Amino acid sequence: IKRRRPGVETPFLDVMVTDPDYHYIEYIKENDIMAG
């Protein structure tokens, strides 16, 4: 619910908040494992 609020920035421009793997992509971005 928090990530679906207006104004929430997604980790990458092509990642939607509804993506079932959002939490993995968010972890990848936050821990600088992969660059876009």
All heavy atoms as atom14 arrays in JSON, in Angstrom:
{
  "sequence": "IKRRRPGVETPFLDVMVTDPDYHYIEYIKENDIMAG",
  "atom14_mask": [
    [1, 1, 1, 1, 1, 1, 1, 1, 0, 0, 0, 0, 0, 0],
    [1, 1, 1, 1, 1, 1, 1, 1, 1, 0, 0, 0, 0, 0],
    [1, 1, 1, 1, 1, 1, 1, 1, 1, 1, 1, 0, 0, 0],
    [1, 1, 1, 1, 1, 1, 1, 1, 1, 1, 1, 0, 0, 0],
    [1, 1, 1, 1, 1, 1, 1, 1, 1, 1, 1, 0, 0, 0],
    [1, 1, 1, 1, 1, 1, 1, 0, 0, 0, 0, 0, 0, 0],
    [1, 1, 1, 1, 0, 0, 0, 0, 0, 0, 0, 0, 0, 0],
    [1, 1, 1, 1, 1, 1, 1, 0, 0, 0, 0, 0, 0, 0],
    [1, 1, 1, 1, 1, 1, 1, 1, 1, 0, 0, 0, 0, 0],
    [1, 1, 1, 1, 1, 1, 1, 0, 0, 0, 0, 0, 0, 0],
    [1, 1, 1, 1, 1, 1, 1, 0, 0, 0, 0, 0, 0, 0],
    [1, 1, 1, 1, 1, 1, 1, 1, 1, 1, 1, 0, 0, 0],
    [1, 1, 1, 1, 1, 1, 1, 1, 0, 0, 0, 0, 0, 0],
    [1, 1, 1, 1, 1, 1, 1, 1, 0, 0, 0, 0, 0, 0],
    [1, 1, 1, 1, 1, 1, 1, 0, 0, 0, 0, 0, 0, 0],
    [1, 1, 1, 1, 1, 1, 1, 1, 0, 0, 0, 0, 0, 0],
    [1, 1, 1, 1, 1, 1, 1, 0, 0, 0, 0, 0, 0, 0],
    [1, 1, 1, 1, 1, 1, 1, 0, 0, 0, 0, 0, 0, 0],
    [1, 1, 1, 1, 1, 1, 1, 1, 0, 0, 0, 0, 0, 0],
    [1, 1, 1, 1, 1, 1, 1, 0, 0, 0, 0, 0, 0, 0],
    [1, 1, 1, 1, 1, 1, 1, 1, 0, 0, 0, 0, 0, 0],
    [1, 1, 1, 1, 1, 1, 1, 1, 1, 1, 1, 1, 0, 0],
    [1, 1, 1, 1, 1, 1, 1, 1, 1, 1, 0, 0, 0, 0],
    [1, 1, 1, 1, 1, 1, 1, 1, 1, 1, 1, 1, 0, 0],
    [1, 1, 1, 1, 1, 1, 1, 1, 0, 0, 0, 0, 0, 0],
    [1, 1, 1, 1, 1, 1, 1, 1, 1, 0, 0, 0, 0, 0],
    [1, 1, 1, 1, 1, 1, 1, 1, 1, 1, 1, 1, 0, 0],
    [1, 1, 1, 1, 1, 1, 1, 1, 0, 0, 0, 0, 0, 0],
    [1, 1, 1, 1, 1, 1, 1, 1, 1, 0, 0, 0, 0, 0],
    [1, 1, 1, 1, 1, 1, 1, 1, 1, 0, 0, 0, 0, 0],
    [1, 1, 1, 1, 1, 1, 1, 1, 0, 0, 0, 0, 0, 0],
    [1, 1, 1, 1, 1, 1, 1, 1, 0, 0, 0, 0, 0, 0],
    [1, 1, 1, 1, 1, 1, 1, 1, 0, 0, 0, 0, 0, 0],
    [1, 1, 1, 1, 1, 1, 1, 1, 0, 0, 0, 0, 0, 0],
    [1, 1, 1, 1, 1, 0, 0, 0, 0, 0, 0, 0, 0, 0],
    [1, 1, 1, 1, 0, 0, 0, 0, 0, 0, 0, 0, 0, 0]
  ],
  "atom14_positions": [
    [[0.84, -1.2, 0.0], [0.0, 0.0, 0.0], [0.87, 1.25, 0.0], [0.61, 2.21, -0.74], [-0.97, -0.01, 1.21], [-2.02, -1.1, 1.01], [-1.62, 1.36, 1.41], [-2.84, -1.41, 2.24], [0.0, 0.0, 0.0], [0.0, 0.0, 0.0], [0.0, 0.0, 0.0], [0.0, 0.0, 0.0], [0.0, 0.0, 0.0], [0.0, 0.0, 0.0]],
    [[1.93, 1.27, 0.79], [2.83, 2.43, 0.86], [3.48, 2.72, -0.48], [3.61, 3.88, -0.88], [3.92, 2.2, 1.91], [3.47, 2.42, 3.32], [4.64, 2.24, 4.27], [4.21, 2.45, 5.7], [5.3, 2.26, 6.66], [0.0, 0.0, 0.0], [0.0, 0.0, 0.0], [0.0, 0.0, 0.0], [0.0, 0.0, 0.0], [0.0, 0.0, 0.0]],
    [[3.92, 1.68, -1.18], [4.6, 1.92, -2.44], [3.65, 2.38, -3.54], [4.09, 2.91, -4.55], [5.42, 0.71, -2.87], [4.64, -0.42, -3.47], [5.52, -1.44, -4.17], [6.01, -2.47, -3.32], [5.93, -3.76, -3.58], [5.42, -4.18, -4.72], [6.4, -4.65, -2.76], [0.0, 0.0, 0.0], [0.0, 0.0, 0.0], [0.0, 0.0, 0.0]],
    [[2.34, 2.16, -3.37], [1.35, 2.57, -4.37], [0.87, 4.0, -4.17], [0.09, 4.5, -4.98], [0.16, 1.61, -4.35], [0.52, 0.25, -4.87], [-0.65, -0.66, -4.92], [-0.25, -1.96, -5.48], [-1.06, -2.95, -5.71], [-2.34, -2.83, -5.42], [-0.61, -4.07, -6.21], [0.0, 0.0, 0.0], [0.0, 0.0, 0.0], [0.0, 0.0, 0.0]],
    [[1.33, 4.65, -3.13], [0.92, 6.03, -2.88], [1.47, 6.95, -3.96], [2.56, 6.73, -4.48], [1.4, 6.49, -1.51], [0.67, 5.82, -0.38], [1.06, 6.4, 0.93], [0.3, 5.77, 1.99], [0.72, 5.6, 3.21], [1.91, 6.04, 3.56], [-0.02, 5.01, 4.1], [0.0, 0.0, 0.0], [0.0, 0.0, 0.0], [0.0, 0.0, 0.0]],
    [[0.75, 8.02, -4.26], [1.25, 8.98, -5.25], [2.57, 9.59, -4.78], [2.78, 9.83, -3.6], [0.15, 10.05, -5.3], [-1.05, 9.42, -4.69], [-0.57, 8.36, -3.75], [0.0, 0.0, 0.0], [0.0, 0.0, 0.0], [0.0, 0.0, 0.0], [0.0, 0.0, 0.0], [0.0, 0.0, 0.0], [0.0, 0.0, 0.0], [0.0, 0.0, 0.0]],
    [[3.46, 9.81, -5.72], [4.73, 10.45, -5.43], [5.85, 9.5, -5.04], [6.98, 9.93, -4.88], [0.0, 0.0, 0.0], [0.0, 0.0, 0.0], [0.0, 0.0, 0.0], [0.0, 0.0, 0.0], [0.0, 0.0, 0.0], [0.0, 0.0, 0.0], [0.0, 0.0, 0.0], [0.0, 0.0, 0.0], [0.0, 0.0, 0.0], [0.0, 0.0, 0.0]],
    [[5.55, 8.23, -4.9], [6.59, 7.26, -4.55], [7.43, 6.98, -5.8], [6.88, 6.67, -6.86], [5.98, 5.95, -4.0], [7.04, 4.89, -3.83], [5.26, 6.21, -2.68], [0.0, 0.0, 0.0], [0.0, 0.0, 0.0], [0.0, 0.0, 0.0], [0.0, 0.0, 0.0], [0.0, 0.0, 0.0], [0.0, 0.0, 0.0], [0.0, 0.0, 0.0]],
    [[8.75, 7.14, -5.66], [9.63, 6.88, -6.8], [10.0, 5.41, -6.84], [10.35, 4.83, -5.82], [10.9, 7.72, -6.67], [10.67, 9.18, -6.98], [11.98, 9.93, -7.11], [12.96, 9.37, -7.64], [11.99, 11.1, -6.7], [0.0, 0.0, 0.0], [0.0, 0.0, 0.0], [0.0, 0.0, 0.0], [0.0, 0.0, 0.0], [0.0, 0.0, 0.0]],
    [[9.93, 4.84, -8.02], [10.32, 3.44, -8.19], [11.83, 3.37, -8.38], [12.45, 4.37, -8.76], [9.6, 2.81, -9.4], [9.95, 3.55, -10.57], [8.1, 2.8, -9.21], [0.0, 0.0, 0.0], [0.0, 0.0, 0.0], [0.0, 0.0, 0.0], [0.0, 0.0, 0.0], [0.0, 0.0, 0.0], [0.0, 0.0, 0.0], [0.0, 0.0, 0.0]],
    [[12.45, 2.21, -8.11], [13.9, 2.11, -8.23], [14.43, 2.41, -9.63], [15.5, 2.97, -9.79], [14.2, 0.67, -7.84], [12.98, 0.14, -7.2], [11.83, 0.99, -7.64], [0.0, 0.0, 0.0], [0.0, 0.0, 0.0], [0.0, 0.0, 0.0], [0.0, 0.0, 0.0], [0.0, 0.0, 0.0], [0.0, 0.0, 0.0], [0.0, 0.0, 0.0]],
    [[13.66, 2.02, -10.64], [14.03, 2.26, -12.03], [12.79, 2.72, -12.78], [11.66, 2.4, -12.4], [14.59, 0.99, -12.68], [15.86, 0.48, -12.04], [15.83, -0.51, -11.08], [17.09, 1.01, -12.42], [17.0, -0.97, -10.49], [18.26, 0.56, -11.83], [18.21, -0.43, -10.86], [0.0, 0.0, 0.0], [0.0, 0.0, 0.0], [0.0, 0.0, 0.0]],
    [[12.98, 3.44, -13.87], [11.87, 4.02, -14.61], [10.91, 2.99, -15.2], [9.74, 3.28, -15.39], [12.41, 4.93, -15.74], [13.22, 6.14, -15.27], [13.88, 6.83, -16.46], [12.34, 7.09, -14.48], [0.0, 0.0, 0.0], [0.0, 0.0, 0.0], [0.0, 0.0, 0.0], [0.0, 0.0, 0.0], [0.0, 0.0, 0.0], [0.0, 0.0, 0.0]],
    [[11.41, 1.79, -15.5], [10.55, 0.77, -16.11], [10.02, -0.25, -15.11], [9.47, -1.27, -15.5], [11.29, 0.06, -17.24], [12.58, -0.6, -16.8], [13.09, -0.26, -15.71], [13.1, -1.45, -17.55], [0.0, 0.0, 0.0], [0.0, 0.0, 0.0], [0.0, 0.0, 0.0], [0.0, 0.0, 0.0], [0.0, 0.0, 0.0], [0.0, 0.0, 0.0]],
    [[10.17, 0.01, -13.83], [9.68, -0.9, -12.8], [8.41, -0.29, -12.2], [8.45, 0.82, -11.66], [10.74, -1.13, -11.7], [10.19, -1.99, -10.58], [11.97, -1.78, -12.31], [0.0, 0.0, 0.0], [0.0, 0.0, 0.0], [0.0, 0.0, 0.0], [0.0, 0.0, 0.0], [0.0, 0.0, 0.0], [0.0, 0.0, 0.0], [0.0, 0.0, 0.0]],
    [[7.34, -1.03, -12.29], [6.06, -0.57, -11.76], [5.9, -1.02, -10.31], [6.42, -2.07, -9.93], [4.89, -1.12, -12.6], [5.03, -0.92, -14.1], [5.5, 0.73, -14.63], [4.05, 1.65, -14.37], [0.0, 0.0, 0.0], [0.0, 0.0, 0.0], [0.0, 0.0, 0.0], [0.0, 0.0, 0.0], [0.0, 0.0, 0.0], [0.0, 0.0, 0.0]],
    [[5.18, -0.26, -9.52], [4.97, -0.63, -8.11], [4.18, -1.92, -7.97], [4.22, -2.57, -6.94], [4.29, 0.5, -7.31], [5.2, 1.71, -7.2], [2.95, 0.87, -7.9], [0.0, 0.0, 0.0], [0.0, 0.0, 0.0], [0.0, 0.0, 0.0], [0.0, 0.0, 0.0], [0.0, 0.0, 0.0], [0.0, 0.0, 0.0], [0.0, 0.0, 0.0]],
    [[3.5, -2.33, -9.02], [2.7, -3.56, -9.0], [3.52, -4.78, -9.42], [3.01, -5.9, -9.38], [1.49, -3.42, -9.93], [1.95, -3.07, -11.24], [0.53, -2.36, -9.42], [0.0, 0.0, 0.0], [0.0, 0.0, 0.0], [0.0, 0.0, 0.0], [0.0, 0.0, 0.0], [0.0, 0.0, 0.0], [0.0, 0.0, 0.0], [0.0, 0.0, 0.0]],
    [[4.77, -4.59, -9.8], [5.62, -5.7, -10.25], [5.77, -6.71, -9.11], [6.12, -6.34, -7.99], [6.99, -5.15, -10.65], [7.85, -6.17, -11.37], [7.93, -7.33, -10.9], [8.44, -5.81, -12.41], [0.0, 0.0, 0.0], [0.0, 0.0, 0.0], [0.0, 0.0, 0.0], [0.0, 0.0, 0.0], [0.0, 0.0, 0.0], [0.0, 0.0, 0.0]],
    [[5.53, -7.99, -9.37], [5.65, -8.99, -8.31], [7.07, -9.14, -7.77], [7.27, -9.63, -6.67], [5.17, -10.29, -8.96], [5.18, -10.04, -10.43], [5.09, -8.57, -10.64], [0.0, 0.0, 0.0], [0.0, 0.0, 0.0], [0.0, 0.0, 0.0], [0.0, 0.0, 0.0], [0.0, 0.0, 0.0], [0.0, 0.0, 0.0], [0.0, 0.0, 0.0]],
    [[8.06, -8.7, -8.52], [9.46, -8.77, -8.09], [9.99, -7.42, -7.61], [11.19, -7.24, -7.47], [10.33, -9.29, -9.23], [9.98, -10.72, -9.6], [9.86, -11.55, -8.68], [9.82, -11.0, -10.8], [0.0, 0.0, 0.0], [0.0, 0.0, 0.0], [0.0, 0.0, 0.0], [0.0, 0.0, 0.0], [0.0, 0.0, 0.0], [0.0, 0.0, 0.0]],
    [[9.09, -6.5, -7.35], [9.46, -5.15, -6.94], [10.43, -5.17, -5.76], [11.42, -4.45, -5.75], [8.2, -4.34, -6.59], [8.48, -2.9, -6.26], [8.42, -1.93, -7.25], [8.79, -2.49, -4.97], [8.66, -0.59, -6.97], [9.03, -1.16, -4.67], [8.96, -0.21, -5.67], [9.21, 1.09, -5.4], [0.0, 0.0, 0.0], [0.0, 0.0, 0.0]],
    [[10.16, -6.0, -4.76], [11.0, -6.02, -3.55], [12.42, -6.5, -3.86], [13.38, -6.05, -3.26], [10.35, -6.81, -2.42], [10.0, -8.22, -2.71], [9.13, -8.6, -3.72], [10.41, -9.36, -2.13], [9.02, -9.91, -3.74], [9.79, -10.41, -2.79], [0.0, 0.0, 0.0], [0.0, 0.0, 0.0], [0.0, 0.0, 0.0], [0.0, 0.0, 0.0]],
    [[12.57, -7.4, -4.85], [13.91, -7.82, -5.25], [14.62, -6.69, -5.99], [15.79, -6.41, -5.75], [13.85, -9.07, -6.14], [13.71, -10.33, -5.34], [12.46, -10.87, -5.07], [14.83, -10.98, -4.83], [12.33, -12.04, -4.32], [14.71, -12.13, -4.07], [13.46, -12.67, -3.83], [13.34, -13.79, -3.07], [0.0, 0.0, 0.0], [0.0, 0.0, 0.0]],
    [[13.91, -6.04, -6.89], [14.5, -4.94, -7.66], [14.87, -3.77, -6.74], [15.92, -3.16, -6.89], [13.54, -4.5, -8.79], [13.31, -5.67, -9.76], [14.08, -3.28, -9.53], [12.16, -5.49, -10.72], [0.0, 0.0, 0.0], [0.0, 0.0, 0.0], [0.0, 0.0, 0.0], [0.0, 0.0, 0.0], [0.0, 0.0, 0.0], [0.0, 0.0, 0.0]],
    [[14.03, -3.52, -5.76], [14.31, -2.47, -4.78], [15.58, -2.81, -3.99], [16.44, -1.96, -3.78], [13.11, -2.33, -3.85], [13.18, -1.18, -2.89], [11.89, -1.06, -2.1], [11.4, -2.07, -1.54], [11.37, 0.07, -2.04], [0.0, 0.0, 0.0], [0.0, 0.0, 0.0], [0.0, 0.0, 0.0], [0.0, 0.0, 0.0], [0.0, 0.0, 0.0]],
    [[15.73, -4.07, -3.57], [16.93, -4.52, -2.85], [18.17, -4.36, -3.73], [19.21, -3.9, -3.28], [16.76, -5.98, -2.42], [17.91, -6.53, -1.61], [17.87, -6.52, -0.23], [19.05, -7.04, -2.22], [18.93, -7.02, 0.53], [20.11, -7.53, -1.49], [20.04, -7.52, -0.11], [21.1, -8.01, 0.63], [0.0, 0.0, 0.0], [0.0, 0.0, 0.0]],
    [[18.05, -4.75, -5.0], [19.15, -4.63, -5.96], [19.6, -3.18, -6.08], [20.79, -2.89, -6.06], [18.72, -5.21, -7.33], [18.64, -6.74, -7.26], [19.64, -4.75, -8.45], [17.93, -7.39, -8.43], [0.0, 0.0, 0.0], [0.0, 0.0, 0.0], [0.0, 0.0, 0.0], [0.0, 0.0, 0.0], [0.0, 0.0, 0.0], [0.0, 0.0, 0.0]],
    [[18.66, -2.27, -6.19], [18.97, -0.84, -6.33], [19.57, -0.28, -5.04], [20.6, 0.39, -5.06], [17.71, -0.07, -6.72], [17.86, 1.43, -6.78], [18.63, 1.86, -7.98], [18.58, 3.37, -8.09], [19.1, 3.85, -9.33], [0.0, 0.0, 0.0], [0.0, 0.0, 0.0], [0.0, 0.0, 0.0], [0.0, 0.0, 0.0], [0.0, 0.0, 0.0]],
    [[18.93, -0.58, -3.9], [19.38, -0.04, -2.62], [20.77, -0.52, -2.25], [21.52, 0.2, -1.59], [18.4, -0.4, -1.5], [17.11, 0.37, -1.56], [16.07, -0.12, -0.57], [16.32, -1.09, 0.18], [14.98, 0.49, -0.53], [0.0, 0.0, 0.0], [0.0, 0.0, 0.0], [0.0, 0.0, 0.0], [0.0, 0.0, 0.0], [0.0, 0.0, 0.0]],
    [[21.13, -1.72, -2.66], [22.43, -2.29, -2.3], [23.44, -2.2, -3.43], [24.51, -2.8, -3.36], [22.25, -3.74, -1.85], [21.52, -3.81, -0.53], [22.1, -3.56, 0.51], [20.22, -4.1, -0.59], [0.0, 0.0, 0.0], [0.0, 0.0, 0.0], [0.0, 0.0, 0.0], [0.0, 0.0, 0.0], [0.0, 0.0, 0.0], [0.0, 0.0, 0.0]],
    [[23.1, -1.44, -4.47], [23.98, -1.17, -5.61], [24.57, -2.45, -6.2], [25.76, -2.52, -6.53], [25.09, -0.21, -5.19], [25.8, 0.4, -6.38], [25.16, 0.56, -7.44], [27.0, 0.69, -6.28], [0.0, 0.0, 0.0], [0.0, 0.0, 0.0], [0.0, 0.0, 0.0], [0.0, 0.0, 0.0], [0.0, 0.0, 0.0], [0.0, 0.0, 0.0]],
    [[23.73, -3.46, -6.35], [24.17, -4.73, -6.91], [24.18, -4.66, -8.44], [25.06, -5.21, -9.09], [23.29, -5.89, -6.42], [23.47, -6.05, -4.9], [23.6, -7.19, -7.15], [22.48, -6.97, -4.26], [0.0, 0.0, 0.0], [0.0, 0.0, 0.0], [0.0, 0.0, 0.0], [0.0, 0.0, 0.0], [0.0, 0.0, 0.0], [0.0, 0.0, 0.0]],
    [[23.18, -3.97, -8.99], [23.09, -3.82, -10.44], [22.79, -2.37, -10.78], [22.08, -1.7, -10.05], [21.96, -4.7, -11.01], [22.2, -6.17, -10.91], [20.77, -7.15, -11.45], [20.83, -6.92, -13.22], [0.0, 0.0, 0.0], [0.0, 0.0, 0.0], [0.0, 0.0, 0.0], [0.0, 0.0, 0.0], [0.0, 0.0, 0.0], [0.0, 0.0, 0.0]],
    [[23.35, -1.94, -11.89], [23.05, -0.6, -12.39], [22.03, -0.74, -13.51], [21.98, -1.75, -14.2], [24.32, 0.06, -12.92], [0.0, 0.0, 0.0], [0.0, 0.0, 0.0], [0.0, 0.0, 0.0], [0.0, 0.0, 0.0], [0.0, 0.0, 0.0], [0.0, 0.0, 0.0], [0.0, 0.0, 0.0], [0.0, 0.0, 0.0], [0.0, 0.0, 0.0]],
    [[21.25, 0.25, -13.66], [20.31, 0.26, -14.77], [21.0, 0.76, -16.03], [22.21, 1.0, -16.05], [0.0, 0.0, 0.0], [0.0, 0.0, 0.0], [0.0, 0.0, 0.0], [0.0, 0.0, 0.0], [0.0, 0.0, 0.0], [0.0, 0.0, 0.0], [0.0, 0.0, 0.0], [0.0, 0.0, 0.0], [0.0, 0.0, 0.0], [0.0, 0.0, 0.0]]
  ]
}
